[in-house]
Amino acid sequence: MEKKLNFTNQALNQINKIAIGEDKKYFRITVQGGGCSGFKYSFGFDSKANNDDVIFNKTIIDKSSLDIISGSIIDFKSEMIGESFVINNPKASASCGCGLSFSI
């Protein structure tokens, strides 16, 4: 099965907007152990892709993280309480209130 991520227009627009203003070339998504539900999402920027990275447009993600969030929809929400990237992961069985931590 092909490993893939889906991006909303809002997420793509925000990635392009931020990347233009940064010296960094790529938006990086990482899944790390921890958080209140077992795993947590981490977002950042990087100037280069590593050998184990997969590139989606201007976004890079390592293969281990992609295994965990493959099939997810990456969105960008702008609400009164703030702006943030949101991952709708169909493999997540539970998540915390902030949406950055999840379990599978």
N, C-alpha and C. Protein backbone atom coordinates (compact mmCIF):
# COMPACT_ATOMS: atom_id res chain seq x y z
N MET A 1 0.84 -1.19 0.00
CA MET A 1 0.00 0.00 0.00
C MET A 1 0.89 1.26 0.00
N GLU A 2 0.52 2.21 -0.84
CA GLU A 2 1.31 3.43 -0.96
C GLU A 2 1.16 4.30 0.30
N LYS A 3 2.29 4.81 0.76
CA LYS A 3 2.29 5.70 1.91
C LYS A 3 2.04 7.11 1.40
N LYS A 4 1.00 7.76 1.92
CA LYS A 4 0.75 9.10 1.44
C LYS A 4 0.10 9.97 2.51
N LEU A 5 0.21 11.26 2.31
CA LEU A 5 -0.43 12.25 3.15
C LEU A 5 -1.27 13.14 2.24
N ASN A 6 -2.36 13.65 2.78
CA ASN A 6 -3.22 14.57 2.05
C ASN A 6 -3.17 15.92 2.74
N PHE A 7 -3.09 16.98 1.97
CA PHE A 7 -3.00 18.33 2.49
C PHE A 7 -4.20 19.15 2.04
N THR A 8 -4.81 19.88 2.97
CA THR A 8 -5.86 20.81 2.58
C THR A 8 -5.21 22.03 1.93
N ASN A 9 -6.01 22.80 1.20
CA ASN A 9 -5.49 24.02 0.59
C ASN A 9 -4.98 24.98 1.66
N GLN A 10 -5.66 25.05 2.81
CA GLN A 10 -5.24 25.93 3.90
C GLN A 10 -3.84 25.55 4.40
N ALA A 11 -3.58 24.25 4.53
CA ALA A 11 -2.27 23.80 4.99
C ALA A 11 -1.19 24.11 3.95
N LEU A 12 -1.47 23.83 2.68
CA LEU A 12 -0.48 24.11 1.63
C LEU A 12 -0.17 25.60 1.55
N ASN A 13 -1.22 26.43 1.63
CA ASN A 13 -1.01 27.88 1.59
C ASN A 13 -0.14 28.35 2.75
N GLN A 14 -0.38 27.83 3.95
CA GLN A 14 0.39 28.24 5.12
C GLN A 14 1.83 27.75 5.03
N ILE A 15 2.04 26.53 4.56
CA ILE A 15 3.40 26.00 4.40
C ILE A 15 4.17 26.87 3.41
N ASN A 16 3.55 27.19 2.28
CA ASN A 16 4.21 28.04 1.28
C ASN A 16 4.48 29.44 1.82
N LYS A 17 3.54 29.98 2.56
CA LYS A 17 3.69 31.32 3.14
C LYS A 17 4.86 31.36 4.13
N ILE A 18 4.93 30.38 5.00
CA ILE A 18 5.99 30.35 6.02
C ILE A 18 7.34 30.03 5.37
N ALA A 19 7.35 29.07 4.45
CA ALA A 19 8.62 28.66 3.83
C ALA A 19 9.25 29.81 3.05
N ILE A 20 8.46 30.67 2.46
CA ILE A 20 9.00 31.81 1.71
C ILE A 20 9.75 32.75 2.64
N GLY A 21 9.25 32.92 3.86
CA GLY A 21 9.87 33.83 4.81
C GLY A 21 10.99 33.21 5.63
N GLU A 22 11.24 31.94 5.46
CA GLU A 22 12.26 31.23 6.23
C GLU A 22 13.46 30.92 5.35
N ASP A 23 14.60 30.74 5.96
CA ASP A 23 15.77 30.27 5.23
C ASP A 23 15.67 28.77 4.98
N LYS A 24 14.71 28.16 5.60
CA LYS A 24 14.56 26.71 5.50
C LYS A 24 13.77 26.37 4.25
N LYS A 25 14.10 25.28 3.66
CA LYS A 25 13.50 24.86 2.40
C LYS A 25 12.25 24.00 2.61
N TYR A 26 12.22 23.21 3.69
CA TYR A 26 11.15 22.25 3.89
C TYR A 26 10.42 22.46 5.22
N PHE A 27 9.13 22.13 5.21
CA PHE A 27 8.33 22.01 6.43
C PHE A 27 8.48 20.56 6.86
N ARG A 28 8.86 20.32 8.12
CA ARG A 28 9.10 18.95 8.60
C ARG A 28 8.01 18.54 9.60
N ILE A 29 7.47 17.34 9.38
CA ILE A 29 6.54 16.71 10.32
C ILE A 29 7.24 15.50 10.90
N THR A 30 7.22 15.38 12.22
CA THR A 30 7.83 14.24 12.90
C THR A 30 6.84 13.70 13.92
N VAL A 31 6.81 12.38 14.09
CA VAL A 31 6.04 11.74 15.16
C VAL A 31 7.05 11.24 16.18
N GLN A 32 6.86 11.65 17.44
CA GLN A 32 7.78 11.27 18.52
C GLN A 32 7.01 10.53 19.60
N GLY A 33 7.72 9.70 20.33
CA GLY A 33 7.13 9.06 21.50
C GLY A 33 6.96 10.11 22.59
N GLY A 34 5.88 10.01 23.33
CA GLY A 34 5.65 10.97 24.42
C GLY A 34 4.28 11.59 24.31
N GLY A 35 4.13 12.73 24.96
CA GLY A 35 2.82 13.37 24.99
C GLY A 35 1.91 12.65 25.96
N CYS A 36 0.73 13.17 26.14
CA CYS A 36 -0.17 12.57 27.13
C CYS A 36 -0.90 11.33 26.60
N SER A 37 -0.78 11.03 25.31
CA SER A 37 -1.46 9.86 24.75
C SER A 37 -0.54 8.82 24.13
N GLY A 38 0.78 8.99 24.23
CA GLY A 38 1.70 7.98 23.73
C GLY A 38 2.59 8.47 22.60
N PHE A 39 2.03 9.19 21.64
CA PHE A 39 2.80 9.79 20.54
C PHE A 39 2.44 11.26 20.47
N LYS A 40 3.35 12.04 19.86
CA LYS A 40 3.02 13.45 19.66
C LYS A 40 3.59 13.91 18.32
N TYR A 41 2.87 14.86 17.72
CA TYR A 41 3.30 15.45 16.46
C TYR A 41 4.26 16.60 16.75
N SER A 42 5.26 16.74 15.91
CA SER A 42 6.19 17.85 16.02
C SER A 42 6.30 18.49 14.63
N PHE A 43 6.24 19.82 14.58
CA PHE A 43 6.33 20.56 13.33
C PHE A 43 7.54 21.48 13.38
N GLY A 44 8.25 21.61 12.27
CA GLY A 44 9.40 22.50 12.22
C GLY A 44 9.83 22.72 10.78
N PHE A 45 11.02 23.28 10.62
CA PHE A 45 11.56 23.53 9.29
C PHE A 45 12.96 22.96 9.20
N ASP A 46 13.35 22.61 7.98
CA ASP A 46 14.67 22.03 7.76
C ASP A 46 15.18 22.51 6.41
N SER A 47 16.49 22.65 6.30
CA SER A 47 17.08 23.11 5.05
C SER A 47 17.40 21.97 4.10
N LYS A 48 17.41 20.73 4.62
CA LYS A 48 17.72 19.60 3.74
C LYS A 48 16.93 18.37 4.16
N ALA A 49 16.74 17.48 3.20
CA ALA A 49 16.08 16.20 3.47
C ALA A 49 17.15 15.16 3.77
N ASN A 50 16.85 14.25 4.69
CA ASN A 50 17.75 13.15 5.03
C ASN A 50 17.45 11.95 4.15
N ASN A 51 18.32 10.95 4.19
CA ASN A 51 18.15 9.76 3.36
C ASN A 51 16.86 9.01 3.65
N ASP A 52 16.38 9.05 4.90
CA ASP A 52 15.16 8.31 5.24
C ASP A 52 13.91 9.18 5.18
N ASP A 53 13.99 10.35 4.53
CA ASP A 53 12.84 11.25 4.41
C ASP A 53 12.07 11.00 3.13
N VAL A 54 10.77 11.23 3.21
CA VAL A 54 9.90 11.22 2.04
C VAL A 54 9.43 12.66 1.86
N ILE A 55 9.43 13.13 0.61
CA ILE A 55 9.08 14.53 0.33
C ILE A 55 7.71 14.60 -0.32
N PHE A 56 6.85 15.45 0.24
CA PHE A 56 5.53 15.78 -0.32
C PHE A 56 5.53 17.28 -0.55
N ASN A 57 5.63 17.72 -1.79
CA ASN A 57 5.73 19.15 -2.09
C ASN A 57 6.88 19.73 -1.28
N LYS A 58 6.60 20.68 -0.39
CA LYS A 58 7.64 21.29 0.44
C LYS A 58 7.66 20.71 1.85
N THR A 59 7.03 19.56 2.02
CA THR A 59 6.96 18.92 3.34
C THR A 59 7.80 17.65 3.33
N ILE A 60 8.56 17.44 4.40
CA ILE A 60 9.34 16.20 4.54
C ILE A 60 8.93 15.49 5.83
N ILE A 61 8.99 14.18 5.75
CA ILE A 61 8.67 13.35 6.92
C ILE A 61 9.52 12.09 6.83
N ASP A 62 10.06 11.68 7.97
CA ASP A 62 10.88 10.47 7.96
C ASP A 62 9.97 9.25 7.79
N LYS A 63 10.54 8.17 7.28
CA LYS A 63 9.75 6.98 6.96
C LYS A 63 9.07 6.36 8.17
N SER A 64 9.71 6.40 9.34
CA SER A 64 9.10 5.84 10.55
C SER A 64 7.86 6.64 10.94
N SER A 65 7.96 7.96 10.87
CA SER A 65 6.80 8.81 11.19
C SER A 65 5.69 8.61 10.16
N LEU A 66 6.08 8.49 8.90
CA LEU A 66 5.09 8.30 7.84
C LEU A 66 4.31 6.99 8.02
N ASP A 67 4.99 5.94 8.50
CA ASP A 67 4.29 4.68 8.78
C ASP A 67 3.14 4.90 9.76
N ILE A 68 3.34 5.79 10.72
CA ILE A 68 2.34 6.02 11.76
C ILE A 68 1.21 6.93 11.28
N ILE A 69 1.50 7.90 10.41
CA ILE A 69 0.45 8.84 10.01
C ILE A 69 0.05 8.74 8.54
N SER A 70 0.50 7.71 7.84
CA SER A 70 0.11 7.53 6.44
C SER A 70 -1.42 7.52 6.32
N GLY A 71 -1.93 8.22 5.32
CA GLY A 71 -3.37 8.31 5.11
C GLY A 71 -4.01 9.48 5.83
N SER A 72 -3.22 10.23 6.58
CA SER A 72 -3.74 11.37 7.34
C SER A 72 -3.99 12.57 6.44
N ILE A 73 -4.83 13.47 6.95
CA ILE A 73 -5.07 14.75 6.30
C ILE A 73 -4.41 15.83 7.15
N ILE A 74 -3.54 16.62 6.52
CA ILE A 74 -2.86 17.73 7.19
C ILE A 74 -3.66 18.98 6.90
N ASP A 75 -4.07 19.69 7.95
CA ASP A 75 -4.89 20.89 7.80
C ASP A 75 -4.25 22.02 8.60
N PHE A 76 -4.67 23.23 8.33
CA PHE A 76 -4.25 24.39 9.11
C PHE A 76 -5.50 25.11 9.57
N LYS A 77 -5.65 25.27 10.87
CA LYS A 77 -6.83 25.91 11.46
C LYS A 77 -6.46 27.27 12.04
N SER A 78 -7.29 28.23 11.78
CA SER A 78 -7.14 29.55 12.36
C SER A 78 -8.40 29.84 13.17
N GLU A 79 -8.24 29.88 14.50
CA GLU A 79 -9.39 30.07 15.40
C GLU A 79 -9.08 31.20 16.37
N MET A 80 -10.04 31.58 17.14
CA MET A 80 -9.85 32.67 18.10
C MET A 80 -8.72 32.38 19.09
N ILE A 81 -8.54 31.11 19.44
CA ILE A 81 -7.51 30.76 20.42
C ILE A 81 -6.13 30.62 19.81
N GLY A 82 -6.04 30.69 18.48
CA GLY A 82 -4.74 30.63 17.83
C GLY A 82 -4.79 29.88 16.51
N GLU A 83 -3.61 29.79 15.90
CA GLU A 83 -3.48 29.09 14.63
C GLU A 83 -2.58 27.88 14.83
N SER A 84 -2.89 26.79 14.12
CA SER A 84 -2.06 25.60 14.26
C SER A 84 -2.31 24.63 13.12
N PHE A 85 -1.29 23.81 12.87
CA PHE A 85 -1.46 22.69 11.95
C PHE A 85 -2.15 21.58 12.71
N VAL A 86 -3.05 20.87 12.04
CA VAL A 86 -3.82 19.79 12.64
C VAL A 86 -3.70 18.56 11.74
N ILE A 87 -3.46 17.41 12.36
CA ILE A 87 -3.39 16.17 11.61
C ILE A 87 -4.58 15.30 11.97
N ASN A 88 -5.37 14.97 10.96
CA ASN A 88 -6.50 14.07 11.15
C ASN A 88 -6.00 12.68 10.75
N ASN A 89 -5.61 11.90 11.77
CA ASN A 89 -4.98 10.60 11.56
C ASN A 89 -6.01 9.49 11.74
N PRO A 90 -6.36 8.78 10.66
CA PRO A 90 -7.36 7.72 10.79
C PRO A 90 -6.89 6.55 11.65
N LYS A 91 -5.57 6.43 11.89
CA LYS A 91 -5.05 5.34 12.72
C LYS A 91 -5.09 5.66 14.21
N ALA A 92 -5.31 6.92 14.56
CA ALA A 92 -5.32 7.32 15.98
C ALA A 92 -6.59 6.82 16.65
N SER A 93 -6.43 6.06 17.73
CA SER A 93 -7.59 5.55 18.45
C SER A 93 -8.05 6.53 19.51
N ALA A 94 -7.16 7.42 19.94
CA ALA A 94 -7.51 8.43 20.93
C ALA A 94 -6.52 9.58 20.78
N SER A 95 -6.96 10.77 21.20
CA SER A 95 -6.06 11.92 21.18
C SER A 95 -6.38 12.82 22.35
N CYS A 96 -5.45 13.70 22.66
CA CYS A 96 -5.67 14.61 23.77
C CYS A 96 -6.45 15.83 23.28
N GLY A 97 -6.80 16.72 24.18
CA GLY A 97 -7.58 17.90 23.84
C GLY A 97 -6.87 18.85 22.90
N CYS A 98 -5.56 18.95 23.00
CA CYS A 98 -4.83 19.90 22.15
C CYS A 98 -4.65 19.37 20.73
N GLY A 99 -4.81 18.06 20.52
CA GLY A 99 -4.70 17.46 19.20
C GLY A 99 -3.28 17.15 18.76
N LEU A 100 -2.29 17.43 19.61
CA LEU A 100 -0.91 17.15 19.24
C LEU A 100 -0.44 15.79 19.72
N SER A 101 -1.18 15.17 20.61
CA SER A 101 -0.80 13.89 21.19
C SER A 101 -1.88 12.86 20.85
N PHE A 102 -1.46 11.62 20.57
CA PHE A 102 -2.42 10.60 20.18
C PHE A 102 -1.91 9.20 20.50
N SER A 103 -2.80 8.23 20.44
CA SER A 103 -2.40 6.83 20.59
C SER A 103 -2.96 6.05 19.41
N ILE A 104 -2.33 4.91 19.12
CA ILE A 104 -2.81 4.07 18.02
C ILE A 104 -3.04 2.65 18.51
